[in-house]
Amino acid sequence: MPERCKQCERYEKGLKELRERRSNLWRRGELTDAATEKLAAEEQQIAEELKKHQATQHEHSPILTVKTLATEPSQSLEEEIRRRAYELYEERGREDGHDLDDWLRAEAEITAKNAKTAAA
């Protein structure tokens, strides 16, 4: 696999920070549709800049690592995570107080599933 430079790492860090911001807003119940759209647009921009950087600076097609795939924005991805988190909530008998655990577990499951699909 081609090496990753400091600039690639900065782009990936920016993507991770946006995901954390979205998770924090969601945990506090402050994640509005407008905020979701704004964060998705920012993620899209950074992901495109990363791909462009990799293609021009590393003279190859973008590095699509599991980490990159997991951070690429997708409204359908977020909706899929939201649905799975709700399923986990229902499976536990609708017991409150585990929303973050449900979200993180759903996110991990969906991300792993998507990474396996992309690798196939």
PDB file of N, CA and C in Angstrom:
ATOM      1  N   MET A   1       0.846  -1.178   0.000  1.00  0.00           N
ATOM      2  CA  MET A   1       0.000   0.000   0.000  1.00  0.00           C
ATOM      3  C   MET A   1       0.888   1.238   0.000  1.00  0.00           C
ATOM      4  N   PRO A   2       0.539   2.257  -0.783  1.00  0.00           N
ATOM      5  CA  PRO A   2       1.332   3.484  -0.810  1.00  0.00           C
ATOM      6  C   PRO A   2       1.397   4.130   0.569  1.00  0.00           C
ATOM      7  N   GLU A   3       2.499   4.837   0.803  1.00  0.00           N
ATOM      8  CA  GLU A   3       2.640   5.480   2.103  1.00  0.00           C
ATOM      9  C   GLU A   3       1.716   6.681   2.233  1.00  0.00           C
ATOM     10  N   ARG A   4       1.389   7.000   3.481  1.00  0.00           N
ATOM     11  CA  ARG A   4       0.542   8.154   3.768  1.00  0.00           C
ATOM     12  C   ARG A   4       1.435   9.263   4.293  1.00  0.00           C
ATOM     13  N   CYS A   5       1.238  10.452   3.789  1.00  0.00           N
ATOM     14  CA  CYS A   5       2.045  11.588   4.220  1.00  0.00           C
ATOM     15  C   CYS A   5       1.330  12.347   5.346  1.00  0.00           C
ATOM     16  N   LYS A   6       1.998  13.371   5.850  1.00  0.00           N
ATOM     17  CA  LYS A   6       1.425  14.189   6.933  1.00  0.00           C
ATOM     18  C   LYS A   6       0.141  14.870   6.484  1.00  0.00           C
ATOM     19  N   GLN A   7       0.088  15.305   5.216  1.00  0.00           N
ATOM     20  CA  GLN A   7      -1.118  15.970   4.724  1.00  0.00           C
ATOM     21  C   GLN A   7      -2.289  14.995   4.715  1.00  0.00           C
ATOM     22  N   CYS A   8      -2.060  13.747   4.291  1.00  0.00           N
ATOM     23  CA  CYS A   8      -3.122  12.729   4.322  1.00  0.00           C
ATOM     24  C   CYS A   8      -3.632  12.554   5.749  1.00  0.00           C
ATOM     25  N   GLU A   9      -2.695  12.505   6.697  1.00  0.00           N
ATOM     26  CA  GLU A   9      -3.068  12.338   8.093  1.00  0.00           C
ATOM     27  C   GLU A   9      -3.875  13.529   8.603  1.00  0.00           C
ATOM     28  N   ARG A  10      -3.542  14.742   8.153  1.00  0.00           N
ATOM     29  CA  ARG A  10      -4.302  15.926   8.566  1.00  0.00           C
ATOM     30  C   ARG A  10      -5.730  15.864   8.030  1.00  0.00           C
ATOM     31  N   TYR A  11      -5.877  15.439   6.775  1.00  0.00           N
ATOM     32  CA  TYR A  11      -7.223  15.315   6.221  1.00  0.00           C
ATOM     33  C   TYR A  11      -8.033  14.276   7.011  1.00  0.00           C
ATOM     34  N   GLU A  12      -7.417  13.137   7.295  1.00  0.00           N
ATOM     35  CA  GLU A  12      -8.115  12.092   8.051  1.00  0.00           C
ATOM     36  C   GLU A  12      -8.458  12.568   9.459  1.00  0.00           C
ATOM     37  N   LYS A  13      -7.558  13.350  10.070  1.00  0.00           N
ATOM     38  CA  LYS A  13      -7.843  13.902  11.401  1.00  0.00           C
ATOM     39  C   LYS A  13      -9.042  14.846  11.339  1.00  0.00           C
ATOM     40  N   GLY A  14      -9.107  15.663  10.297  1.00  0.00           N
ATOM     41  CA  GLY A  14     -10.234  16.573  10.130  1.00  0.00           C
ATOM     42  C   GLY A  14     -11.548  15.815   9.990  1.00  0.00           C
ATOM     43  N   LEU A  15     -11.528  14.725   9.239  1.00  0.00           N
ATOM     44  CA  LEU A  15     -12.720  13.898   9.088  1.00  0.00           C
ATOM     45  C   LEU A  15     -13.135  13.291  10.422  1.00  0.00           C
ATOM     46  N   LYS A  16     -12.149  12.810  11.171  1.00  0.00           N
ATOM     47  CA  LYS A  16     -12.448  12.215  12.474  1.00  0.00           C
ATOM     48  C   LYS A  16     -13.048  13.252  13.421  1.00  0.00           C
ATOM     49  N   GLU A  17     -12.512  14.455  13.423  1.00  0.00           N
ATOM     50  CA  GLU A  17     -13.028  15.511  14.299  1.00  0.00           C
ATOM     51  C   GLU A  17     -14.467  15.876  13.953  1.00  0.00           C
ATOM     52  N   LEU A  18     -14.785  15.911  12.664  1.00  0.00           N
ATOM     53  CA  LEU A  18     -16.167  16.204  12.265  1.00  0.00           C
ATOM     54  C   LEU A  18     -17.110  15.100  12.731  1.00  0.00           C
ATOM     55  N   ARG A  19     -16.692  13.855  12.625  1.00  0.00           N
ATOM     56  CA  ARG A  19     -17.521  12.735  13.093  1.00  0.00           C
ATOM     57  C   ARG A  19     -17.734  12.825  14.592  1.00  0.00           C
ATOM     58  N   GLU A  20     -16.682  13.185  15.331  1.00  0.00           N
ATOM     59  CA  GLU A  20     -16.806  13.329  16.778  1.00  0.00           C
ATOM     60  C   GLU A  20     -17.751  14.469  17.131  1.00  0.00           C
ATOM     61  N   ARG A  21     -17.670  15.575  16.386  1.00  0.00           N
ATOM     62  CA  ARG A  21     -18.573  16.700  16.628  1.00  0.00           C
ATOM     63  C   ARG A  21     -20.024  16.270  16.406  1.00  0.00           C
ATOM     64  N   ARG A  22     -20.258  15.511  15.321  1.00  0.00           N
ATOM     65  CA  ARG A  22     -21.610  15.034  15.052  1.00  0.00           C
ATOM     66  C   ARG A  22     -22.085  14.110  16.172  1.00  0.00           C
ATOM     67  N   SER A  23     -21.228  13.216  16.630  1.00  0.00           N
ATOM     68  CA  SER A  23     -21.597  12.304  17.724  1.00  0.00           C
ATOM     69  C   SER A  23     -21.910  13.070  19.005  1.00  0.00           C
ATOM     70  N   ASN A  24     -21.100  14.088  19.303  1.00  0.00           N
ATOM     71  CA  ASN A  24     -21.339  14.882  20.506  1.00  0.00           C
ATOM     72  C   ASN A  24     -22.668  15.622  20.431  1.00  0.00           C
ATOM     73  N   LEU A  25     -22.965  16.201  19.273  1.00  0.00           N
ATOM     74  CA  LEU A  25     -24.250  16.876  19.102  1.00  0.00           C
ATOM     75  C   LEU A  25     -25.397  15.881  19.270  1.00  0.00           C
ATOM     76  N   TRP A  26     -25.233  14.701  18.700  1.00  0.00           N
ATOM     77  CA  TRP A  26     -26.280  13.673  18.783  1.00  0.00           C
ATOM     78  C   TRP A  26     -26.503  13.257  20.237  1.00  0.00           C
ATOM     79  N   ARG A  27     -25.414  13.039  20.979  1.00  0.00           N
ATOM     80  CA  ARG A  27     -25.528  12.633  22.380  1.00  0.00           C
ATOM     81  C   ARG A  27     -26.263  13.674  23.207  1.00  0.00           C
ATOM     82  N   ARG A  28     -26.020  14.955  22.917  1.00  0.00           N
ATOM     83  CA  ARG A  28     -26.666  16.025  23.665  1.00  0.00           C
ATOM     84  C   ARG A  28     -28.064  16.327  23.145  1.00  0.00           C
ATOM     85  N   GLY A  29     -28.488  15.639  22.096  1.00  0.00           N
ATOM     86  CA  GLY A  29     -29.803  15.877  21.527  1.00  0.00           C
ATOM     87  C   GLY A  29     -29.884  17.169  20.742  1.00  0.00           C
ATOM     88  N   GLU A  30     -28.740  17.653  20.263  1.00  0.00           N
ATOM     89  CA  GLU A  30     -28.678  18.930  19.553  1.00  0.00           C
ATOM     90  C   GLU A  30     -28.389  18.761  18.062  1.00  0.00           C
ATOM     91  N   LEU A  31     -28.457  17.550  17.563  1.00  0.00           N
ATOM     92  CA  LEU A  31     -28.147  17.301  16.157  1.00  0.00           C
ATOM     93  C   LEU A  31     -29.394  17.556  15.318  1.00  0.00           C
ATOM     94  N   THR A  32     -29.464  18.738  14.759  1.00  0.00           N
ATOM     95  CA  THR A  32     -30.594  19.117  13.918  1.00  0.00           C
ATOM     96  C   THR A  32     -30.332  18.682  12.484  1.00  0.00           C
ATOM     97  N   ASP A  33     -31.368  18.735  11.664  1.00  0.00           N
ATOM     98  CA  ASP A  33     -31.197  18.414  10.246  1.00  0.00           C
ATOM     99  C   ASP A  33     -30.215  19.382   9.587  1.00  0.00           C
ATOM    100  N   ALA A  34     -30.302  20.655   9.966  1.00  0.00           N
ATOM    101  CA  ALA A  34     -29.395  21.662   9.394  1.00  0.00           C
ATOM    102  C   ALA A  34     -27.943  21.365   9.779  1.00  0.00           C
ATOM    103  N   ALA A  35     -27.713  20.998  11.037  1.00  0.00           N
ATOM    104  CA  ALA A  35     -26.360  20.674  11.480  1.00  0.00           C
ATOM    105  C   ALA A  35     -25.856  19.426  10.776  1.00  0.00           C
ATOM    106  N   THR A  36     -26.713  18.441  10.607  1.00  0.00           N
ATOM    107  CA  THR A  36     -26.338  17.208   9.911  1.00  0.00           C
ATOM    108  C   THR A  36     -25.912  17.518   8.482  1.00  0.00           C
ATOM    109  N   GLU A  37     -26.691  18.349   7.796  1.00  0.00           N
ATOM    110  CA  GLU A  37     -26.363  18.711   6.415  1.00  0.00           C
ATOM    111  C   GLU A  37     -25.049  19.485   6.337  1.00  0.00           C
ATOM    112  N   LYS A  38     -24.847  20.414   7.280  1.00  0.00           N
ATOM    113  CA  LYS A  38     -23.620  21.212   7.282  1.00  0.00           C
ATOM    114  C   LYS A  38     -22.403  20.322   7.524  1.00  0.00           C
ATOM    115  N   LEU A  39     -22.484  19.439   8.506  1.00  0.00           N
ATOM    116  CA  LEU A  39     -21.371  18.546   8.795  1.00  0.00           C
ATOM    117  C   LEU A  39     -21.108  17.600   7.631  1.00  0.00           C
ATOM    118  N   ALA A  40     -22.162  17.102   6.999  1.00  0.00           N
ATOM    119  CA  ALA A  40     -22.001  16.209   5.845  1.00  0.00           C
ATOM    120  C   ALA A  40     -21.308  16.945   4.700  1.00  0.00           C
ATOM    121  N   ALA A  41     -21.663  18.209   4.481  1.00  0.00           N
ATOM    122  CA  ALA A  41     -21.027  18.995   3.420  1.00  0.00           C
ATOM    123  C   ALA A  41     -19.543  19.209   3.730  1.00  0.00           C
ATOM    124  N   GLU A  42     -19.229  19.501   4.988  1.00  0.00           N
ATOM    125  CA  GLU A  42     -17.830  19.681   5.381  1.00  0.00           C
ATOM    126  C   GLU A  42     -17.048  18.387   5.206  1.00  0.00           C
ATOM    127  N   GLU A  43     -17.646  17.265   5.606  1.00  0.00           N
ATOM    128  CA  GLU A  43     -16.996  15.968   5.437  1.00  0.00           C
ATOM    129  C   GLU A  43     -16.754  15.669   3.964  1.00  0.00           C
ATOM    130  N   GLN A  44     -17.748  15.950   3.146  1.00  0.00           N
ATOM    131  CA  GLN A  44     -17.630  15.715   1.708  1.00  0.00           C
ATOM    132  C   GLN A  44     -16.474  16.519   1.130  1.00  0.00           C
ATOM    133  N   GLN A  45     -16.373  17.770   1.536  1.00  0.00           N
ATOM    134  CA  GLN A  45     -15.310  18.633   1.030  1.00  0.00           C
ATOM    135  C   GLN A  45     -13.937  18.101   1.432  1.00  0.00           C
ATOM    136  N   ILE A  46     -13.773  17.733   2.689  1.00  0.00           N
ATOM    137  CA  ILE A  46     -12.478  17.222   3.148  1.00  0.00           C
ATOM    138  C   ILE A  46     -12.145  15.909   2.452  1.00  0.00           C
ATOM    139  N   ALA A  47     -13.134  15.015   2.312  1.00  0.00           N
ATOM    140  CA  ALA A  47     -12.896  13.737   1.652  1.00  0.00           C
ATOM    141  C   ALA A  47     -12.469  13.944   0.199  1.00  0.00           C
ATOM    142  N   GLU A  48     -13.097  14.899  -0.488  1.00  0.00           N
ATOM    143  CA  GLU A  48     -12.722  15.190  -1.875  1.00  0.00           C
ATOM    144  C   GLU A  48     -11.310  15.772  -1.949  1.00  0.00           C
ATOM    145  N   GLU A  49     -10.975  16.654  -1.008  1.00  0.00           N
ATOM    146  CA  GLU A  49      -9.629  17.222  -0.976  1.00  0.00           C
ATOM    147  C   GLU A  49      -8.590  16.137  -0.721  1.00  0.00           C
ATOM    148  N   LEU A  50      -8.908  15.197   0.157  1.00  0.00           N
ATOM    149  CA  LEU A  50      -7.999  14.087   0.439  1.00  0.00           C
ATOM    150  C   LEU A  50      -7.778  13.250  -0.817  1.00  0.00           C
ATOM    151  N   LYS A  51      -8.852  12.897  -1.503  1.00  0.00           N
ATOM    152  CA  LYS A  51      -8.727  12.093  -2.722  1.00  0.00           C
ATOM    153  C   LYS A  51      -7.916  12.827  -3.789  1.00  0.00           C
ATOM    154  N   LYS A  52      -8.181  14.124  -3.939  1.00  0.00           N
ATOM    155  CA  LYS A  52      -7.454  14.930  -4.924  1.00  0.00           C
ATOM    156  C   LYS A  52      -5.977  14.999  -4.560  1.00  0.00           C
ATOM    157  N   HIS A  53      -5.698  15.216  -3.285  1.00  0.00           N
ATOM    158  CA  HIS A  53      -4.317  15.265  -2.810  1.00  0.00           C
ATOM    159  C   HIS A  53      -3.601  13.950  -3.106  1.00  0.00           C
ATOM    160  N   GLN A  54      -4.245  12.841  -2.792  1.00  0.00           N
ATOM    161  CA  GLN A  54      -3.619  11.535  -3.018  1.00  0.00           C
ATOM    162  C   GLN A  54      -3.360  11.292  -4.502  1.00  0.00           C
ATOM    163  N   ALA A  55      -4.304  11.695  -5.330  1.00  0.00           N
ATOM    164  CA  ALA A  55      -4.149  11.474  -6.765  1.00  0.00           C
ATOM    165  C   ALA A  55      -3.047  12.348  -7.355  1.00  0.00           C
ATOM    166  N   THR A  56      -2.913  13.589  -6.871  1.00  0.00           N
ATOM    167  CA  THR A  56      -1.914  14.494  -7.451  1.00  0.00           C
ATOM    168  C   THR A  56      -0.552  14.388  -6.792  1.00  0.00           C
ATOM    169  N   GLN A  57      -0.516  14.231  -5.488  1.00  0.00           N
ATOM    170  CA  GLN A  57       0.759  14.221  -4.776  1.00  0.00           C
ATOM    171  C   GLN A  57       1.414  12.847  -4.702  1.00  0.00           C
ATOM    172  N   HIS A  58       0.605  11.822  -4.754  1.00  0.00           N
ATOM    173  CA  HIS A  58       1.153  10.471  -4.626  1.00  0.00           C
ATOM    174  C   HIS A  58       1.105   9.724  -5.950  1.00  0.00           C
ATOM    175  N   GLU A  59       0.594  10.389  -6.989  1.00  0.00           N
ATOM    176  CA  GLU A  59       0.537   9.846  -8.338  1.00  0.00           C
ATOM    177  C   GLU A  59      -0.113   8.472  -8.404  1.00  0.00           C
ATOM    178  N   HIS A  60      -1.188   8.329  -7.703  1.00  0.00           N
ATOM    179  CA  HIS A  60      -1.966   7.092  -7.758  1.00  0.00           C
ATOM    180  C   HIS A  60      -3.399   7.424  -7.420  1.00  0.00           C
ATOM    181  N   SER A  61      -4.238   6.460  -7.606  1.00  0.00           N
ATOM    182  CA  SER A  61      -5.629   6.684  -7.247  1.00  0.00           C
ATOM    183  C   SER A  61      -5.720   6.792  -5.729  1.00  0.00           C
ATOM    184  N   PRO A  62      -6.766   7.405  -5.219  1.00  0.00           N
ATOM    185  CA  PRO A  62      -6.892   7.607  -3.770  1.00  0.00           C
ATOM    186  C   PRO A  62      -6.749   6.317  -2.976  1.00  0.00           C
ATOM    187  N   ILE A  63      -6.102   6.447  -1.837  1.00  0.00           N
ATOM    188  CA  ILE A  63      -5.964   5.322  -0.917  1.00  0.00           C
ATOM    189  C   ILE A  63      -7.308   5.129  -0.230  1.00  0.00           C
ATOM    190  N   LEU A  64      -7.932   4.003  -0.436  1.00  0.00           N
ATOM    191  CA  LEU A  64      -9.207   3.745   0.216  1.00  0.00           C
ATOM    192  C   LEU A  64      -8.982   2.721   1.322  1.00  0.00           C
ATOM    193  N   THR A  65      -8.607   3.229   2.460  1.00  0.00           N
ATOM    194  CA  THR A  65      -8.407   2.366   3.608  1.00  0.00           C
ATOM    195  C   THR A  65      -9.727   2.183   4.334  1.00  0.00           C
ATOM    196  N   VAL A  66      -9.776   1.229   5.242  1.00  0.00           N
ATOM    197  CA  VAL A  66     -10.975   1.050   6.059  1.00  0.00           C
ATOM    198  C   VAL A  66     -11.262   2.345   6.797  1.00  0.00           C
ATOM    199  N   LYS A  67     -10.206   3.010   7.283  1.00  0.00           N
ATOM    200  CA  LYS A  67     -10.380   4.259   8.014  1.00  0.00           C
ATOM    201  C   LYS A  67     -11.024   5.318   7.122  1.00  0.00           C
ATOM    202  N   THR A  68     -10.557   5.445   5.877  1.00  0.00           N
ATOM    203  CA  THR A  68     -11.126   6.421   4.958  1.00  0.00           C
ATOM    204  C   THR A  68     -12.561   6.075   4.621  1.00  0.00           C
ATOM    205  N   LEU A  69     -12.819   4.810   4.320  1.00  0.00           N
ATOM    206  CA  LEU A  69     -14.179   4.407   4.001  1.00  0.00           C
ATOM    207  C   LEU A  69     -15.122   4.688   5.155  1.00  0.00           C
ATOM    208  N   ALA A  70     -14.638   4.487   6.361  1.00  0.00           N
ATOM    209  CA  ALA A  70     -15.484   4.692   7.533  1.00  0.00           C
ATOM    210  C   ALA A  70     -15.802   6.159   7.756  1.00  0.00           C
ATOM    211  N   THR A  71     -14.966   7.061   7.235  1.00  0.00           N
ATOM    212  CA  THR A  71     -15.197   8.472   7.490  1.00  0.00           C
ATOM    213  C   THR A  71     -15.836   9.199   6.322  1.00  0.00           C
ATOM    214  N   GLU A  72     -15.990   8.547   5.180  1.00  0.00           N
ATOM    215  CA  GLU A  72     -16.620   9.222   4.060  1.00  0.00           C
ATOM    216  C   GLU A  72     -18.075   9.491   4.380  1.00  0.00           C
ATOM    217  N   PRO A  73     -18.515  10.697   4.101  1.00  0.00           N
ATOM    218  CA  PRO A  73     -19.879  11.060   4.463  1.00  0.00           C
ATOM    219  C   PRO A  73     -20.912  10.372   3.587  1.00  0.00           C
ATOM    220  N   SER A  74     -22.002  10.097   4.195  1.00  0.00           N
ATOM    221  CA  SER A  74     -23.109   9.518   3.456  1.00  0.00           C
ATOM    222  C   SER A  74     -24.360   9.663   4.302  1.00  0.00           C
ATOM    223  N   GLN A  75     -25.343  10.341   3.733  1.00  0.00           N
ATOM    224  CA  GLN A  75     -26.584  10.479   4.482  1.00  0.00           C
ATOM    225  C   GLN A  75     -27.220   9.120   4.677  1.00  0.00           C
ATOM    226  N   SER A  76     -27.111   8.246   3.685  1.00  0.00           N
ATOM    227  CA  SER A  76     -27.697   6.921   3.833  1.00  0.00           C
ATOM    228  C   SER A  76     -26.941   6.122   4.896  1.00  0.00           C
ATOM    229  N   LEU A  77     -25.635   6.339   5.016  1.00  0.00           N
ATOM    230  CA  LEU A  77     -24.846   5.661   6.048  1.00  0.00           C
ATOM    231  C   LEU A  77     -25.329   6.087   7.430  1.00  0.00           C
ATOM    232  N   GLU A  78     -25.507   7.384   7.622  1.00  0.00           N
ATOM    233  CA  GLU A  78     -25.971   7.871   8.922  1.00  0.00           C
ATOM    234  C   GLU A  78     -27.366   7.327   9.234  1.00  0.00           C
ATOM    235  N   GLU A  79     -28.218   7.300   8.233  1.00  0.00           N
ATOM    236  CA  GLU A  79     -29.568   6.763   8.427  1.00  0.00           C
ATOM    237  C   GLU A  79     -29.513   5.278   8.761  1.00  0.00           C
ATOM    238  N   GLU A  80     -28.614   4.549   8.125  1.00  0.00           N
ATOM    239  CA  GLU A  80     -28.451   3.124   8.412  1.00  0.00           C
ATOM    240  C   GLU A  80     -27.982   2.920   9.859  1.00  0.00           C
ATOM    241  N   ILE A  81     -27.057   3.739  10.301  1.00  0.00           N
ATOM    242  CA  ILE A  81     -26.576   3.660  11.684  1.00  0.00           C
ATOM    243  C   ILE A  81     -27.709   3.993  12.644  1.00  0.00           C
ATOM    244  N   ARG A  82     -28.460   5.030  12.323  1.00  0.00           N
ATOM    245  CA  ARG A  82     -29.583   5.439  13.179  1.00  0.00           C
ATOM    246  C   ARG A  82     -30.596   4.301  13.312  1.00  0.00           C
ATOM    247  N   ARG A  83     -30.923   3.651  12.188  1.00  0.00           N
ATOM    248  CA  ARG A  83     -31.885   2.538  12.240  1.00  0.00           C
ATOM    249  C   ARG A  83     -31.358   1.379  13.077  1.00  0.00           C
ATOM    250  N   ARG A  84     -30.067   1.047  12.890  1.00  0.00           N
ATOM    251  CA  ARG A  84     -29.485  -0.069  13.651  1.00  0.00           C
ATOM    252  C   ARG A  84     -29.438   0.260  15.146  1.00  0.00           C
ATOM    253  N   ALA A  85     -29.107   1.501  15.490  1.00  0.00           N
ATOM    254  CA  ALA A  85     -29.078   1.907  16.901  1.00  0.00           C
ATOM    255  C   ALA A  85     -30.473   1.766  17.513  1.00  0.00           C
ATOM    256  N   TYR A  86     -31.493   2.114  16.751  1.00  0.00           N
ATOM    257  CA  TYR A  86     -32.860   1.974  17.257  1.00  0.00           C
ATOM    258  C   TYR A  86     -33.232   0.500  17.419  1.00  0.00           C
ATOM    259  N   GLU A  87     -32.772  -0.335  16.490  1.00  0.00           N
ATOM    260  CA  GLU A  87     -33.016  -1.782  16.615  1.00  0.00           C
ATOM    261  C   GLU A  87     -32.388  -2.311  17.903  1.00  0.00           C
ATOM    262  N   LEU A  88     -31.171  -1.871  18.189  1.00  0.00           N
ATOM    263  CA  LEU A  88     -30.496  -2.313  19.416  1.00  0.00           C
ATOM    264  C   LEU A  88     -31.278  -1.862  20.651  1.00  0.00           C
ATOM    265  N   TYR A  89     -31.795  -0.654  20.607  1.00  0.00           N
ATOM    266  CA  TYR A  89     -32.623  -0.123  21.691  1.00  0.00           C
ATOM    267  C   TYR A  89     -33.860  -1.002  21.889  1.00  0.00           C
ATOM    268  N   GLU A  90     -34.502  -1.353  20.804  1.00  0.00           N
ATOM    269  CA  GLU A  90     -35.692  -2.200  20.897  1.00  0.00           C
ATOM    270  C   GLU A  90     -35.340  -3.608  21.382  1.00  0.00           C
ATOM    271  N   GLU A  91     -34.215  -4.153  20.908  1.00  0.00           N
ATOM    272  CA  GLU A  91     -33.794  -5.492  21.331  1.00  0.00           C
ATOM    273  C   GLU A  91     -33.560  -5.553  22.834  1.00  0.00           C
ATOM    274  N   ARG A  92     -33.155  -4.443  23.432  1.00  0.00           N
ATOM    275  CA  ARG A  92     -32.905  -4.393  24.864  1.00  0.00           C
ATOM    276  C   ARG A  92     -34.189  -4.121  25.635  1.00  0.00           C
ATOM    277  N   GLY A  93     -35.313  -4.092  24.955  1.00  0.00           N
ATOM    278  CA  GLY A  93     -36.582  -3.848  25.637  1.00  0.00           C
ATOM    279  C   GLY A  93     -36.859  -2.377  25.870  1.00  0.00           C
ATOM    280  N   ARG A  94     -36.309  -1.534  25.000  1.00  0.00           N
ATOM    281  CA  ARG A  94     -36.505  -0.081  25.073  1.00  0.00           C
ATOM    282  C   ARG A  94     -36.031   0.517  26.394  1.00  0.00           C
ATOM    283  N   GLU A  95     -34.972  -0.049  26.914  1.00  0.00           N
ATOM    284  CA  GLU A  95     -34.382   0.447  28.160  1.00  0.00           C
ATOM    285  C   GLU A  95     -33.559   1.691  27.866  1.00  0.00           C
ATOM    286  N   ASP A  96     -33.908   2.802  28.496  1.00  0.00           N
ATOM    287  CA  ASP A  96     -33.213   4.070  28.274  1.00  0.00           C
ATOM    288  C   ASP A  96     -31.842   4.075  28.936  1.00  0.00           C
ATOM    289  N   GLY A  97     -31.014   5.039  28.516  1.00  0.00           N
ATOM    290  CA  GLY A  97     -29.719   5.244  29.147  1.00  0.00           C
ATOM    291  C   GLY A  97     -28.556   4.601  28.423  1.00  0.00           C
ATOM    292  N   HIS A  98     -28.809   3.992  27.267  1.00  0.00           N
ATOM    293  CA  HIS A  98     -27.735   3.323  26.534  1.00  0.00           C
ATOM    294  C   HIS A  98     -27.611   3.866  25.110  1.00  0.00           C
ATOM    295  N   ASP A  99     -28.079   5.088  24.890  1.00  0.00           N
ATOM    296  CA  ASP A  99     -28.104   5.637  23.536  1.00  0.00           C
ATOM    297  C   ASP A  99     -26.721   5.738  22.910  1.00  0.00           C
ATOM    298  N   LEU A 100     -25.725   6.181  23.656  1.00  0.00           N
ATOM    299  CA  LEU A 100     -24.382   6.284  23.111  1.00  0.00           C
ATOM    300  C   LEU A 100     -23.833   4.904  22.781  1.00  0.00           C
ATOM    301  N   ASP A 101     -24.023   3.956  23.691  1.00  0.00           N
ATOM    302  CA  ASP A 101     -23.563   2.592  23.435  1.00  0.00           C
ATOM    303  C   ASP A 101     -24.213   2.027  22.173  1.00  0.00           C
ATOM    304  N   ASP A 102     -25.516   2.258  22.030  1.00  0.00           N
ATOM    305  CA  ASP A 102     -26.228   1.768  20.853  1.00  0.00           C
ATOM    306  C   ASP A 102     -25.685   2.398  19.580  1.00  0.00           C
ATOM    307  N   TRP A 103     -25.464   3.712  19.626  1.00  0.00           N
ATOM    308  CA  TRP A 103     -24.973   4.413  18.449  1.00  0.00           C
ATOM    309  C   TRP A 103     -23.583   3.908  18.060  1.00  0.00           C
ATOM    310  N   LEU A 104     -22.682   3.808  19.035  1.00  0.00           N
ATOM    311  CA  LEU A 104     -21.318   3.380  18.739  1.00  0.00           C
ATOM    312  C   LEU A 104     -21.281   1.933  18.252  1.00  0.00           C
ATOM    313  N   ARG A 105     -22.092   1.076  18.848  1.00  0.00           N
ATOM    314  CA  ARG A 105     -22.143  -0.317  18.395  1.00  0.00           C
ATOM    315  C   ARG A 105     -22.695  -0.393  16.971  1.00  0.00           C
ATOM    316  N   ALA A 106     -23.759   0.351  16.704  1.00  0.00           N
ATOM    317  CA  ALA A 106     -24.352   0.366  15.368  1.00  0.00           C
ATOM    318  C   ALA A 106     -23.352   0.909  14.353  1.00  0.00           C
ATOM    319  N   GLU A 107     -22.667   1.969  14.718  1.00  0.00           N
ATOM    320  CA  GLU A 107     -21.672   2.562  13.825  1.00  0.00           C
ATOM    321  C   GLU A 107     -20.562   1.567  13.510  1.00  0.00           C
ATOM    322  N   ALA A 108     -20.085   0.854  14.529  1.00  0.00           N
ATOM    323  CA  ALA A 108     -19.032  -0.139  14.323  1.00  0.00           C
ATOM    324  C   ALA A 108     -19.520  -1.277  13.428  1.00  0.00           C
ATOM    325  N   GLU A 109     -20.741  -1.755  13.665  1.00  0.00           N
ATOM    326  CA  GLU A 109     -21.283  -2.845  12.854  1.00  0.00           C
ATOM    327  C   GLU A 109     -21.434  -2.437  11.396  1.00  0.00           C
ATOM    328  N   ILE A 110     -22.017  -1.271  11.162  1.00  0.00           N
ATOM    329  CA  ILE A 110     -22.277  -0.800   9.803  1.00  0.00           C
ATOM    330  C   ILE A 110     -20.962  -0.519   9.084  1.00  0.00           C
ATOM    331  N   THR A 111     -20.031   0.120   9.771  1.00  0.00           N
ATOM    332  CA  THR A 111     -18.738   0.438   9.178  1.00  0.00           C
ATOM    333  C   THR A 111     -17.987  -0.843   8.795  1.00  0.00           C
ATOM    334  N   ALA A 112     -17.997  -1.826   9.684  1.00  0.00           N
ATOM    335  CA  ALA A 112     -17.326  -3.094   9.397  1.00  0.00           C
ATOM    336  C   ALA A 112     -17.981  -3.791   8.206  1.00  0.00           C
ATOM    337  N   LYS A 113     -19.298  -3.762   8.189  1.00  0.00           N
ATOM    338  CA  LYS A 113     -20.026  -4.399   7.072  1.00  0.00           C
ATOM    339  C   LYS A 113     -19.684  -3.707   5.756  1.00  0.00           C
ATOM    340  N   ASN A 114     -19.655  -2.382   5.754  1.00  0.00           N
ATOM    341  CA  ASN A 114     -19.356  -1.641   4.541  1.00  0.00           C
ATOM    342  C   ASN A 114     -17.900  -1.850   4.096  1.00  0.00           C
ATOM    343  N   ALA A 115     -16.980  -1.961   5.051  1.00  0.00           N
ATOM    344  CA  ALA A 115     -15.582  -2.194   4.716  1.00  0.00           C
ATOM    345  C   ALA A 115     -15.418  -3.576   4.070  1.00  0.00           C
ATOM    346  N   LYS A 116     -16.119  -4.573   4.587  1.00  0.00           N
ATOM    347  CA  LYS A 116     -16.049  -5.914   4.003  1.00  0.00           C
ATOM    348  C   LYS A 116     -16.622  -5.909   2.586  1.00  0.00           C
ATOM    349  N   THR A 117     -17.721  -5.177   2.395  1.00  0.00           N
ATOM    350  CA  THR A 117     -18.329  -5.084   1.074  1.00  0.00           C
ATOM    351  C   THR A 117     -17.388  -4.417   0.097  1.00  0.00           C
ATOM    352  N   ALA A 118     -16.724  -3.338   0.543  1.00  0.00           N
ATOM    353  CA  ALA A 118     -15.793  -2.606  -0.341  1.00  0.00           C
ATOM    354  C   ALA A 118     -14.579  -3.448  -0.684  1.00  0.00           C
ATOM    355  N   ALA A 119     -14.142  -4.288   0.249  1.00  0.00           N
ATOM    356  CA  ALA A 119     -12.961  -5.121   0.020  1.00  0.00           C
ATOM    357  C   ALA A 119     -13.268  -6.290  -0.916  1.00  0.00           C
ATOM    358  N   ALA A 120     -14.528  -6.679  -1.004  1.00  0.00           N
ATOM    359  CA  ALA A 120     -14.895  -7.829  -1.839  1.00  0.00           C
ATOM    360  C   ALA A 120     -14.878  -7.523  -3.311  1.00  0.00           C
TER     361      ALA A 120
END
